[in-house]
Amino acid sequence: MGAALLSGVCSTYAADSYWYTGLGVGYSRVKFYSADFSSGGAANERKKEFDAGFKGAVGYQINRNWAAEVSYVSLGNFEYAYEAGAVTQQDSYKVTGWGFSAVPTVPFTDNFSLFGRFGGFFSQARITIHNPGTVISGTIPNFQTDKTSFLTGFGAQYFFNIDTGVRVEFENFGKVGNPSCATCTGRANAKMVSVNALFKF
């Protein structure tokens, strides 16, 4: 009887196929393209390229070595500012998006594994300009750009018991936004390091 129970526990931990969901927080960075944002020396510039991010995901572990995953990511709010005299133009930059990816997995034990990630990221970059032209003149409504980029990443995950685990991950979302124009957002490269709680269902 004891051997049968032990066998059942081991087979449960080593189940090859299951659905899971993940919720996490992260530290995000966008690297603004100077060609799209620089004033060319006409103003003093400062930028905020780091912020807290959020991620939610649903995935299916197909077998011990492959999973498929859909995720929603909010990378946070960033800023590029231009100071000219007493007036500052503030460009508030926000990035969100959906990721669709394959997740190759290398299990080392029934609980611990390393994984990679590759797929597509469908991003939405929004910019709001306060005091455009360094003149106190209110706010320009949001400009919004949708873009598709290549999504890559890697990380490690550990399950504490049958249903609950934790994942630490780095993701590169590629290029977001569009080149500078009258109604464009400007481009940036987006990345995030995150810690996620995992739940099987």
N, C-alpha and C. Protein backbone atom coordinates (compact mmCIF):
# COMPACT_ATOMS: atom_id res chain seq x y z
N MET A 1 0.84 -1.21 0.00
CA MET A 1 0.00 0.00 0.00
C MET A 1 0.87 1.26 0.00
N GLY A 2 1.91 1.27 0.87
CA GLY A 2 2.78 2.44 0.94
C GLY A 2 3.47 2.69 -0.39
N ALA A 3 3.92 1.62 -1.02
CA ALA A 3 4.59 1.76 -2.33
C ALA A 3 3.64 2.31 -3.37
N ALA A 4 2.37 1.88 -3.31
CA ALA A 4 1.38 2.36 -4.27
C ALA A 4 1.11 3.84 -4.08
N LEU A 5 1.01 4.28 -2.80
CA LEU A 5 0.78 5.69 -2.53
C LEU A 5 1.95 6.54 -2.99
N LEU A 6 3.17 6.07 -2.70
CA LEU A 6 4.37 6.80 -3.11
C LEU A 6 4.44 6.92 -4.62
N SER A 7 4.09 5.85 -5.32
CA SER A 7 4.08 5.86 -6.77
C SER A 7 3.09 6.87 -7.30
N GLY A 8 1.92 7.00 -6.65
CA GLY A 8 0.92 7.97 -7.08
C GLY A 8 1.38 9.39 -6.91
N VAL A 9 2.08 9.66 -5.77
CA VAL A 9 2.59 11.01 -5.53
C VAL A 9 3.63 11.38 -6.57
N CYS A 10 4.55 10.46 -6.85
CA CYS A 10 5.61 10.75 -7.82
C CYS A 10 5.05 10.99 -9.21
N SER A 11 4.05 10.21 -9.61
CA SER A 11 3.48 10.38 -10.94
C SER A 11 2.74 11.70 -11.04
N THR A 12 2.18 12.16 -9.90
CA THR A 12 1.47 13.45 -9.92
C THR A 12 2.45 14.59 -10.12
N TYR A 13 3.57 14.55 -9.38
CA TYR A 13 4.56 15.61 -9.51
C TYR A 13 5.17 15.63 -10.91
N ALA A 14 5.26 14.46 -11.52
CA ALA A 14 5.92 14.37 -12.81
C ALA A 14 4.93 14.42 -13.97
N ALA A 15 3.70 14.83 -13.71
CA ALA A 15 2.70 14.89 -14.77
C ALA A 15 3.22 15.74 -15.92
N ASP A 16 3.17 15.19 -17.12
CA ASP A 16 3.75 15.86 -18.28
C ASP A 16 2.88 16.99 -18.81
N SER A 17 1.57 16.86 -18.73
CA SER A 17 0.66 17.82 -19.35
C SER A 17 -0.26 18.45 -18.31
N TYR A 18 -0.37 19.77 -18.35
CA TYR A 18 -1.26 20.48 -17.43
C TYR A 18 -1.42 21.93 -17.89
N TRP A 19 -2.51 22.55 -17.48
CA TRP A 19 -2.73 23.97 -17.68
C TRP A 19 -2.17 24.73 -16.47
N TYR A 20 -1.76 25.96 -16.70
CA TYR A 20 -1.29 26.77 -15.58
C TYR A 20 -1.56 28.25 -15.86
N THR A 21 -1.58 29.03 -14.81
CA THR A 21 -1.69 30.48 -14.93
C THR A 21 -0.60 31.12 -14.09
N GLY A 22 -0.20 32.31 -14.46
CA GLY A 22 0.86 33.00 -13.74
C GLY A 22 0.54 34.47 -13.55
N LEU A 23 0.93 35.01 -12.41
CA LEU A 23 0.78 36.43 -12.10
C LEU A 23 2.10 36.93 -11.54
N GLY A 24 2.58 38.07 -12.05
CA GLY A 24 3.88 38.52 -11.57
C GLY A 24 4.09 40.02 -11.66
N VAL A 25 5.14 40.46 -11.01
CA VAL A 25 5.57 41.85 -11.06
C VAL A 25 7.02 41.86 -11.53
N GLY A 26 7.43 42.98 -12.13
CA GLY A 26 8.77 43.01 -12.67
C GLY A 26 9.38 44.40 -12.67
N TYR A 27 10.62 44.45 -13.10
CA TYR A 27 11.38 45.68 -13.25
C TYR A 27 11.63 45.87 -14.73
N SER A 28 11.03 46.90 -15.30
CA SER A 28 11.03 47.09 -16.76
C SER A 28 11.99 48.21 -17.17
N ARG A 29 12.45 48.09 -18.41
CA ARG A 29 13.27 49.15 -18.99
C ARG A 29 12.89 49.34 -20.45
N VAL A 30 12.77 50.59 -20.87
CA VAL A 30 12.72 50.92 -22.29
C VAL A 30 13.94 51.79 -22.60
N LYS A 31 14.57 51.52 -23.72
CA LYS A 31 15.70 52.34 -24.16
C LYS A 31 15.24 53.14 -25.36
N PHE A 32 15.05 54.45 -25.14
CA PHE A 32 14.55 55.33 -26.19
C PHE A 32 15.56 55.47 -27.32
N TYR A 33 15.04 55.54 -28.55
CA TYR A 33 15.88 55.80 -29.72
C TYR A 33 16.20 57.30 -29.76
N SER A 34 17.48 57.64 -29.68
CA SER A 34 17.88 59.05 -29.71
C SER A 34 17.42 59.75 -30.97
N ALA A 35 17.43 59.04 -32.09
CA ALA A 35 17.03 59.64 -33.36
C ALA A 35 15.58 60.11 -33.33
N ASP A 36 14.75 59.48 -32.49
CA ASP A 36 13.33 59.84 -32.43
C ASP A 36 13.02 60.85 -31.33
N PHE A 37 13.90 60.96 -30.33
CA PHE A 37 13.56 61.79 -29.16
C PHE A 37 14.51 62.96 -28.92
N SER A 38 15.74 62.87 -29.39
CA SER A 38 16.72 63.91 -29.08
C SER A 38 16.34 65.25 -29.69
N SER A 39 16.57 66.31 -28.92
CA SER A 39 16.30 67.67 -29.41
C SER A 39 17.49 68.24 -30.16
N GLY A 40 18.57 67.49 -30.24
CA GLY A 40 19.76 67.98 -30.94
C GLY A 40 20.45 69.11 -30.23
N GLY A 41 20.31 69.17 -28.90
CA GLY A 41 20.95 70.22 -28.12
C GLY A 41 20.11 71.45 -27.92
N ALA A 42 18.89 71.47 -28.42
CA ALA A 42 18.03 72.64 -28.27
C ALA A 42 17.47 72.78 -26.86
N ALA A 43 17.49 71.69 -26.09
CA ALA A 43 16.96 71.72 -24.73
C ALA A 43 17.76 70.75 -23.87
N ASN A 44 17.72 70.98 -22.55
CA ASN A 44 18.28 70.01 -21.63
C ASN A 44 17.32 68.83 -21.54
N GLU A 45 17.85 67.62 -21.63
CA GLU A 45 17.00 66.43 -21.68
C GLU A 45 17.22 65.55 -20.46
N ARG A 46 16.16 64.97 -19.98
CA ARG A 46 16.24 63.93 -18.96
C ARG A 46 15.21 62.86 -19.28
N LYS A 47 15.47 61.67 -18.84
CA LYS A 47 14.56 60.58 -19.18
C LYS A 47 14.44 59.59 -18.03
N LYS A 48 13.28 58.99 -17.96
CA LYS A 48 13.01 57.91 -17.01
C LYS A 48 12.77 56.66 -17.83
N GLU A 49 13.74 55.74 -17.80
CA GLU A 49 13.66 54.55 -18.64
C GLU A 49 13.37 53.27 -17.85
N PHE A 50 13.14 53.39 -16.52
CA PHE A 50 12.85 52.22 -15.69
C PHE A 50 11.53 52.41 -14.96
N ASP A 51 10.79 51.33 -14.77
CA ASP A 51 9.55 51.39 -14.00
C ASP A 51 9.15 49.97 -13.58
N ALA A 52 8.14 49.89 -12.70
CA ALA A 52 7.60 48.60 -12.30
C ALA A 52 6.62 48.10 -13.37
N GLY A 53 6.65 46.81 -13.65
CA GLY A 53 5.77 46.22 -14.64
C GLY A 53 4.90 45.14 -14.03
N PHE A 54 3.93 44.69 -14.80
CA PHE A 54 2.99 43.65 -14.37
C PHE A 54 2.81 42.66 -15.51
N LYS A 55 2.62 41.38 -15.14
CA LYS A 55 2.43 40.35 -16.16
C LYS A 55 1.41 39.31 -15.69
N GLY A 56 0.53 38.91 -16.60
CA GLY A 56 -0.39 37.81 -16.37
C GLY A 56 -0.29 36.84 -17.54
N ALA A 57 -0.39 35.54 -17.27
CA ALA A 57 -0.21 34.55 -18.34
C ALA A 57 -1.08 33.33 -18.11
N VAL A 58 -1.43 32.68 -19.22
CA VAL A 58 -2.08 31.38 -19.20
C VAL A 58 -1.31 30.49 -20.16
N GLY A 59 -0.99 29.28 -19.71
CA GLY A 59 -0.21 28.40 -20.56
C GLY A 59 -0.62 26.95 -20.46
N TYR A 60 -0.13 26.16 -21.39
CA TYR A 60 -0.38 24.72 -21.38
C TYR A 60 0.96 24.00 -21.54
N GLN A 61 1.31 23.19 -20.55
CA GLN A 61 2.51 22.37 -20.61
C GLN A 61 2.18 21.14 -21.43
N ILE A 62 2.66 21.09 -22.66
CA ILE A 62 2.30 20.02 -23.59
C ILE A 62 2.94 18.70 -23.18
N ASN A 63 4.22 18.77 -22.85
CA ASN A 63 4.96 17.62 -22.33
C ASN A 63 6.10 18.17 -21.49
N ARG A 64 7.03 17.30 -21.10
CA ARG A 64 8.08 17.76 -20.19
C ARG A 64 9.00 18.80 -20.82
N ASN A 65 9.01 18.88 -22.13
CA ASN A 65 9.97 19.76 -22.81
C ASN A 65 9.38 20.93 -23.56
N TRP A 66 8.06 21.02 -23.67
CA TRP A 66 7.46 22.11 -24.42
C TRP A 66 6.17 22.60 -23.77
N ALA A 67 6.01 23.94 -23.80
CA ALA A 67 4.77 24.57 -23.36
C ALA A 67 4.40 25.66 -24.35
N ALA A 68 3.14 26.03 -24.36
CA ALA A 68 2.67 27.16 -25.17
C ALA A 68 2.01 28.15 -24.21
N GLU A 69 2.20 29.45 -24.45
CA GLU A 69 1.76 30.44 -23.47
C GLU A 69 1.25 31.72 -24.13
N VAL A 70 0.21 32.27 -23.54
CA VAL A 70 -0.33 33.59 -23.92
C VAL A 70 -0.19 34.50 -22.70
N SER A 71 0.33 35.70 -22.90
CA SER A 71 0.56 36.60 -21.77
C SER A 71 0.13 38.02 -22.10
N TYR A 72 -0.23 38.75 -21.05
CA TYR A 72 -0.49 40.19 -21.16
C TYR A 72 0.52 40.90 -20.26
N VAL A 73 1.15 41.95 -20.80
CA VAL A 73 2.20 42.65 -20.06
C VAL A 73 1.93 44.15 -20.07
N SER A 74 2.04 44.76 -18.91
CA SER A 74 2.06 46.22 -18.79
C SER A 74 3.44 46.59 -18.27
N LEU A 75 4.24 47.20 -19.15
CA LEU A 75 5.63 47.46 -18.80
C LEU A 75 5.81 48.67 -17.89
N GLY A 76 4.80 49.53 -17.82
CA GLY A 76 4.90 50.68 -16.94
C GLY A 76 4.82 52.00 -17.68
N ASN A 77 5.15 53.08 -16.96
CA ASN A 77 5.11 54.43 -17.50
C ASN A 77 6.52 55.03 -17.48
N PHE A 78 6.93 55.55 -18.63
CA PHE A 78 8.27 56.09 -18.79
C PHE A 78 8.17 57.55 -19.23
N GLU A 79 9.30 58.23 -19.27
CA GLU A 79 9.23 59.68 -19.56
C GLU A 79 10.49 60.17 -20.27
N TYR A 80 10.27 61.05 -21.23
CA TYR A 80 11.36 61.81 -21.86
C TYR A 80 10.99 63.27 -21.73
N ALA A 81 11.86 64.06 -21.10
CA ALA A 81 11.54 65.46 -20.80
C ALA A 81 12.57 66.40 -21.42
N TYR A 82 12.08 67.58 -21.81
CA TYR A 82 12.91 68.62 -22.41
C TYR A 82 12.74 69.89 -21.58
N GLU A 83 13.84 70.41 -21.05
CA GLU A 83 13.80 71.61 -20.22
C GLU A 83 14.37 72.79 -20.99
N ALA A 84 13.54 73.81 -21.15
CA ALA A 84 13.98 75.04 -21.83
C ALA A 84 13.48 76.21 -21.00
N GLY A 85 14.39 76.86 -20.28
CA GLY A 85 13.98 77.93 -19.39
C GLY A 85 13.17 77.39 -18.22
N ALA A 86 12.04 78.03 -17.96
CA ALA A 86 11.22 77.63 -16.82
C ALA A 86 10.16 76.59 -17.19
N VAL A 87 10.12 76.21 -18.45
CA VAL A 87 9.07 75.30 -18.92
C VAL A 87 9.69 73.95 -19.31
N THR A 88 8.99 72.87 -18.95
CA THR A 88 9.45 71.52 -19.28
C THR A 88 8.38 70.79 -20.08
N GLN A 89 8.78 70.31 -21.26
CA GLN A 89 7.89 69.43 -22.02
C GLN A 89 8.11 68.00 -21.53
N GLN A 90 7.03 67.35 -21.11
CA GLN A 90 7.11 65.99 -20.62
C GLN A 90 6.38 65.04 -21.56
N ASP A 91 7.12 64.08 -22.11
CA ASP A 91 6.53 63.05 -22.96
C ASP A 91 6.36 61.79 -22.12
N SER A 92 5.12 61.48 -21.76
CA SER A 92 4.83 60.27 -20.97
C SER A 92 4.61 59.11 -21.93
N TYR A 93 5.34 58.03 -21.72
CA TYR A 93 5.40 56.90 -22.65
C TYR A 93 4.97 55.63 -21.93
N LYS A 94 3.94 54.98 -22.42
CA LYS A 94 3.41 53.78 -21.79
C LYS A 94 3.38 52.63 -22.79
N VAL A 95 3.77 51.44 -22.34
CA VAL A 95 3.83 50.26 -23.23
C VAL A 95 3.06 49.11 -22.60
N THR A 96 2.13 48.53 -23.36
CA THR A 96 1.43 47.32 -22.99
C THR A 96 1.45 46.37 -24.19
N GLY A 97 1.06 45.12 -23.97
CA GLY A 97 1.01 44.22 -25.12
C GLY A 97 0.67 42.79 -24.76
N TRP A 98 0.43 42.01 -25.82
CA TRP A 98 0.12 40.59 -25.71
C TRP A 98 1.26 39.78 -26.31
N GLY A 99 1.65 38.73 -25.60
CA GLY A 99 2.69 37.83 -26.09
C GLY A 99 2.15 36.44 -26.38
N PHE A 100 2.59 35.85 -27.47
CA PHE A 100 2.23 34.48 -27.83
C PHE A 100 3.54 33.75 -28.08
N SER A 101 3.81 32.72 -27.28
CA SER A 101 5.14 32.14 -27.35
C SER A 101 5.17 30.64 -27.09
N ALA A 102 6.21 30.01 -27.61
CA ALA A 102 6.56 28.64 -27.29
C ALA A 102 7.61 28.68 -26.18
N VAL A 103 7.52 27.72 -25.26
CA VAL A 103 8.41 27.71 -24.10
C VAL A 103 9.13 26.36 -24.01
N PRO A 104 10.33 26.23 -24.60
CA PRO A 104 11.10 25.00 -24.44
C PRO A 104 11.60 24.87 -23.01
N THR A 105 11.44 23.68 -22.42
CA THR A 105 11.71 23.48 -21.01
C THR A 105 12.70 22.33 -20.81
N VAL A 106 13.64 22.53 -19.89
CA VAL A 106 14.60 21.48 -19.54
C VAL A 106 14.43 21.16 -18.06
N PRO A 107 13.72 20.07 -17.72
CA PRO A 107 13.52 19.73 -16.31
C PRO A 107 14.76 19.06 -15.72
N PHE A 108 15.17 19.50 -14.53
CA PHE A 108 16.29 18.87 -13.82
C PHE A 108 15.79 17.93 -12.73
N THR A 109 14.65 18.28 -12.13
CA THR A 109 13.96 17.41 -11.19
C THR A 109 12.47 17.53 -11.49
N ASP A 110 11.62 16.84 -10.74
CA ASP A 110 10.18 16.96 -10.92
C ASP A 110 9.69 18.36 -10.53
N ASN A 111 10.50 19.10 -9.74
CA ASN A 111 10.08 20.41 -9.25
C ASN A 111 10.78 21.57 -9.94
N PHE A 112 12.02 21.37 -10.38
CA PHE A 112 12.84 22.48 -10.87
C PHE A 112 13.18 22.31 -12.35
N SER A 113 13.08 23.43 -13.10
CA SER A 113 13.41 23.40 -14.52
C SER A 113 13.90 24.75 -14.99
N LEU A 114 14.66 24.74 -16.06
CA LEU A 114 15.04 25.94 -16.79
C LEU A 114 14.25 26.00 -18.08
N PHE A 115 14.03 27.19 -18.60
CA PHE A 115 13.24 27.31 -19.82
C PHE A 115 13.70 28.49 -20.66
N GLY A 116 13.35 28.44 -21.92
CA GLY A 116 13.54 29.56 -22.83
C GLY A 116 12.19 30.03 -23.34
N ARG A 117 12.22 31.05 -24.18
CA ARG A 117 10.96 31.57 -24.72
C ARG A 117 11.23 32.20 -26.08
N PHE A 118 10.36 31.92 -27.05
CA PHE A 118 10.41 32.65 -28.32
C PHE A 118 9.01 32.70 -28.91
N GLY A 119 8.72 33.83 -29.53
CA GLY A 119 7.39 34.03 -30.09
C GLY A 119 7.21 35.43 -30.60
N GLY A 120 5.99 35.93 -30.53
CA GLY A 120 5.68 37.26 -31.02
C GLY A 120 5.08 38.13 -29.93
N PHE A 121 5.38 39.42 -29.97
CA PHE A 121 4.83 40.39 -29.02
C PHE A 121 4.08 41.45 -29.80
N PHE A 122 2.80 41.62 -29.48
CA PHE A 122 1.93 42.60 -30.15
C PHE A 122 1.75 43.77 -29.19
N SER A 123 2.55 44.81 -29.40
CA SER A 123 2.63 45.91 -28.44
C SER A 123 1.77 47.10 -28.84
N GLN A 124 1.47 47.88 -27.83
CA GLN A 124 0.76 49.15 -28.01
C GLN A 124 1.52 50.20 -27.21
N ALA A 125 2.12 51.15 -27.91
CA ALA A 125 2.84 52.24 -27.27
C ALA A 125 1.98 53.50 -27.35
N ARG A 126 1.86 54.19 -26.21
CA ARG A 126 1.07 55.42 -26.15
C ARG A 126 1.91 56.54 -25.56
N ILE A 127 1.84 57.69 -26.18
CA ILE A 127 2.59 58.84 -25.68
C ILE A 127 1.64 60.01 -25.46
N THR A 128 1.80 60.68 -24.33
CA THR A 128 1.05 61.88 -24.00
C THR A 128 2.05 63.00 -23.79
N ILE A 129 1.87 64.12 -24.49
CA ILE A 129 2.84 65.22 -24.44
C ILE A 129 2.25 66.38 -23.64
N HIS A 130 2.93 66.75 -22.56
CA HIS A 130 2.53 67.87 -21.72
C HIS A 130 3.42 69.08 -22.05
N ASN A 131 2.83 70.24 -22.22
CA ASN A 131 3.54 71.47 -22.58
C ASN A 131 4.36 71.29 -23.85
N PRO A 132 3.71 70.92 -24.96
CA PRO A 132 4.46 70.68 -26.21
C PRO A 132 5.20 71.93 -26.67
N GLY A 133 6.41 71.71 -27.17
CA GLY A 133 7.22 72.83 -27.65
C GLY A 133 7.77 73.67 -26.52
N THR A 134 7.82 73.09 -25.29
CA THR A 134 8.27 73.80 -24.08
C THR A 134 7.54 75.13 -23.90
N VAL A 135 6.23 75.09 -24.21
CA VAL A 135 5.35 76.24 -23.99
C VAL A 135 4.20 75.76 -23.11
N ILE A 136 3.84 76.55 -22.11
CA ILE A 136 2.74 76.16 -21.23
C ILE A 136 1.45 76.20 -22.02
N SER A 137 1.05 75.04 -22.53
CA SER A 137 -0.10 75.02 -23.44
C SER A 137 -0.97 73.78 -23.26
N GLY A 138 -0.91 73.19 -22.07
CA GLY A 138 -1.78 72.05 -21.83
C GLY A 138 -1.18 70.75 -22.31
N THR A 139 -2.05 69.83 -22.74
CA THR A 139 -1.64 68.46 -23.06
C THR A 139 -2.18 68.05 -24.42
N ILE A 140 -1.33 67.41 -25.22
CA ILE A 140 -1.77 66.82 -26.49
C ILE A 140 -2.33 65.44 -26.20
N PRO A 141 -3.51 65.11 -26.72
CA PRO A 141 -4.08 63.78 -26.49
C PRO A 141 -3.13 62.67 -26.92
N ASN A 142 -3.40 61.47 -26.41
CA ASN A 142 -2.52 60.33 -26.67
C ASN A 142 -2.33 60.05 -28.16
N PHE A 143 -1.07 59.80 -28.54
CA PHE A 143 -0.78 59.17 -29.82
C PHE A 143 -0.53 57.69 -29.52
N GLN A 144 -0.96 56.83 -30.39
CA GLN A 144 -0.89 55.40 -30.13
C GLN A 144 -0.38 54.66 -31.35
N THR A 145 0.52 53.70 -31.11
CA THR A 145 1.10 52.91 -32.19
C THR A 145 1.08 51.44 -31.84
N ASP A 146 0.59 50.61 -32.76
CA ASP A 146 0.63 49.16 -32.59
C ASP A 146 1.78 48.60 -33.41
N LYS A 147 2.49 47.62 -32.83
CA LYS A 147 3.64 47.04 -33.53
C LYS A 147 3.82 45.59 -33.11
N THR A 148 4.32 44.78 -34.03
CA THR A 148 4.63 43.38 -33.75
C THR A 148 6.14 43.19 -33.75
N SER A 149 6.65 42.51 -32.73
CA SER A 149 8.09 42.29 -32.63
C SER A 149 8.37 40.85 -32.19
N PHE A 150 9.62 40.46 -32.25
CA PHE A 150 10.04 39.11 -31.85
C PHE A 150 10.25 39.09 -30.34
N LEU A 151 9.65 38.13 -29.66
CA LEU A 151 9.74 37.99 -28.22
C LEU A 151 10.69 36.85 -27.86
N THR A 152 11.67 37.13 -27.01
CA THR A 152 12.58 36.10 -26.52
C THR A 152 12.72 36.21 -25.01
N GLY A 153 13.21 35.15 -24.40
CA GLY A 153 13.41 35.18 -22.96
C GLY A 153 13.98 33.88 -22.43
N PHE A 154 14.28 33.88 -21.13
CA PHE A 154 14.76 32.68 -20.46
C PHE A 154 14.53 32.84 -18.96
N GLY A 155 14.54 31.71 -18.24
CA GLY A 155 14.34 31.80 -16.81
C GLY A 155 14.38 30.44 -16.14
N ALA A 156 13.94 30.41 -14.88
CA ALA A 156 13.90 29.20 -14.08
C ALA A 156 12.60 29.17 -13.30
N GLN A 157 12.09 27.97 -13.03
CA GLN A 157 10.87 27.84 -12.24
C GLN A 157 10.98 26.65 -11.29
N TYR A 158 10.28 26.80 -10.16
CA TYR A 158 10.31 25.77 -9.12
C TYR A 158 8.91 25.61 -8.53
N PHE A 159 8.45 24.37 -8.44
CA PHE A 159 7.15 24.07 -7.84
C PHE A 159 7.35 23.58 -6.40
N PHE A 160 6.68 24.29 -5.47
CA PHE A 160 6.79 23.94 -4.05
C PHE A 160 5.98 22.68 -3.72
N ASN A 161 4.89 22.48 -4.44
CA ASN A 161 4.03 21.32 -4.23
C ASN A 161 3.38 20.97 -5.56
N ILE A 162 2.31 20.21 -5.53
CA ILE A 162 1.69 19.74 -6.77
C ILE A 162 1.17 20.89 -7.62
N ASP A 163 0.64 21.94 -6.98
CA ASP A 163 -0.10 22.96 -7.72
C ASP A 163 0.53 24.35 -7.76
N THR A 164 1.50 24.65 -6.91
CA THR A 164 1.97 26.03 -6.74
C THR A 164 3.48 26.13 -6.95
N GLY A 165 3.88 27.15 -7.71
CA GLY A 165 5.30 27.34 -7.96
C GLY A 165 5.66 28.79 -8.14
N VAL A 166 6.94 29.05 -8.44
CA VAL A 166 7.43 30.40 -8.68
C VAL A 166 8.36 30.38 -9.89
N ARG A 167 8.34 31.47 -10.63
CA ARG A 167 9.16 31.58 -11.84
C ARG A 167 9.89 32.92 -11.82
N VAL A 168 11.17 32.90 -12.16
CA VAL A 168 11.97 34.11 -12.34
C VAL A 168 12.38 34.16 -13.81
N GLU A 169 12.17 35.32 -14.46
CA GLU A 169 12.33 35.34 -15.92
C GLU A 169 12.83 36.69 -16.43
N PHE A 170 13.62 36.63 -17.49
CA PHE A 170 14.00 37.81 -18.26
C PHE A 170 13.34 37.72 -19.63
N GLU A 171 12.73 38.83 -20.08
CA GLU A 171 12.10 38.87 -21.40
C GLU A 171 12.55 40.09 -22.18
N ASN A 172 12.82 39.87 -23.45
CA ASN A 172 13.15 40.95 -24.38
C ASN A 172 12.01 41.07 -25.37
N PHE A 173 11.28 42.19 -25.31
CA PHE A 173 10.10 42.38 -26.15
C PHE A 173 10.43 43.04 -27.49
N GLY A 174 11.68 43.36 -27.70
CA GLY A 174 12.07 43.94 -28.97
C GLY A 174 11.68 45.41 -29.10
N LYS A 175 11.49 45.83 -30.32
CA LYS A 175 11.22 47.23 -30.63
C LYS A 175 9.73 47.54 -30.51
N VAL A 176 9.39 48.62 -29.81
CA VAL A 176 8.02 49.09 -29.71
C VAL A 176 7.95 50.52 -30.24
N GLY A 177 6.74 50.96 -30.63
CA GLY A 177 6.57 52.32 -31.13
C GLY A 177 6.98 52.46 -32.60
N ASN A 178 6.80 53.68 -33.13
CA ASN A 178 7.12 54.01 -34.51
C ASN A 178 8.05 55.22 -34.57
N PRO A 179 8.76 55.40 -35.70
CA PRO A 179 9.65 56.56 -35.81
C PRO A 179 8.93 57.88 -35.60
N SER A 180 9.72 58.88 -35.28
CA SER A 180 9.17 60.19 -34.97
C SER A 180 8.45 60.81 -36.17
N CYS A 181 7.23 61.27 -35.93
CA CYS A 181 6.45 62.00 -36.92
C CYS A 181 5.37 62.77 -36.15
N ALA A 182 4.52 63.47 -36.86
CA ALA A 182 3.54 64.33 -36.19
C ALA A 182 2.61 63.57 -35.27
N THR A 183 2.27 62.35 -35.63
CA THR A 183 1.33 61.57 -34.81
C THR A 183 1.91 60.21 -34.40
N CYS A 184 3.24 60.09 -34.32
CA CYS A 184 3.89 58.83 -33.93
C CYS A 184 4.39 58.92 -32.50
N THR A 185 4.74 57.78 -31.95
CA THR A 185 5.16 57.73 -30.55
C THR A 185 6.66 57.80 -30.36
N GLY A 186 7.44 57.48 -31.39
CA GLY A 186 8.86 57.28 -31.22
C GLY A 186 9.13 55.85 -30.81
N ARG A 187 10.35 55.39 -31.08
CA ARG A 187 10.68 53.98 -30.84
C ARG A 187 11.47 53.78 -29.55
N ALA A 188 11.37 52.55 -29.03
CA ALA A 188 12.15 52.15 -27.86
C ALA A 188 12.32 50.65 -27.88
N ASN A 189 13.37 50.16 -27.24
CA ASN A 189 13.56 48.74 -27.00
C ASN A 189 13.09 48.42 -25.59
N ALA A 190 12.26 47.38 -25.44
CA ALA A 190 11.63 47.09 -24.15
C ALA A 190 12.06 45.74 -23.60
N LYS A 191 12.36 45.71 -22.29
CA LYS A 191 12.78 44.48 -21.61
C LYS A 191 12.20 44.47 -20.20
N MET A 192 12.13 43.27 -19.61
CA MET A 192 11.64 43.17 -18.23
C MET A 192 12.20 41.93 -17.54
N VAL A 193 12.55 42.09 -16.26
CA VAL A 193 12.87 40.98 -15.37
C VAL A 193 11.71 40.86 -14.40
N SER A 194 11.16 39.66 -14.24
CA SER A 194 9.95 39.51 -13.42
C SER A 194 10.02 38.28 -12.52
N VAL A 195 9.24 38.34 -11.44
CA VAL A 195 9.02 37.21 -10.54
C VAL A 195 7.53 36.89 -10.59
N ASN A 196 7.19 35.63 -10.85
CA ASN A 196 5.81 35.24 -11.08
C ASN A 196 5.41 34.06 -10.21
N ALA A 197 4.19 34.13 -9.68
CA ALA A 197 3.60 32.97 -8.99
C ALA A 197 2.90 32.11 -10.03
N LEU A 198 3.06 30.79 -9.96
CA LEU A 198 2.47 29.85 -10.91
C LEU A 198 1.44 28.97 -10.20
N PHE A 199 0.33 28.73 -10.87
CA PHE A 199 -0.72 27.89 -10.32
C PHE A 199 -1.22 26.92 -11.39
N LYS A 200 -1.13 25.63 -11.13
CA LYS A 200 -1.66 24.63 -12.06
C LYS A 200 -3.17 24.52 -11.86
N PHE A 201 -3.88 24.21 -12.96
CA PHE A 201 -5.32 23.96 -12.85
C PHE A 201 -5.77 22.96 -13.90
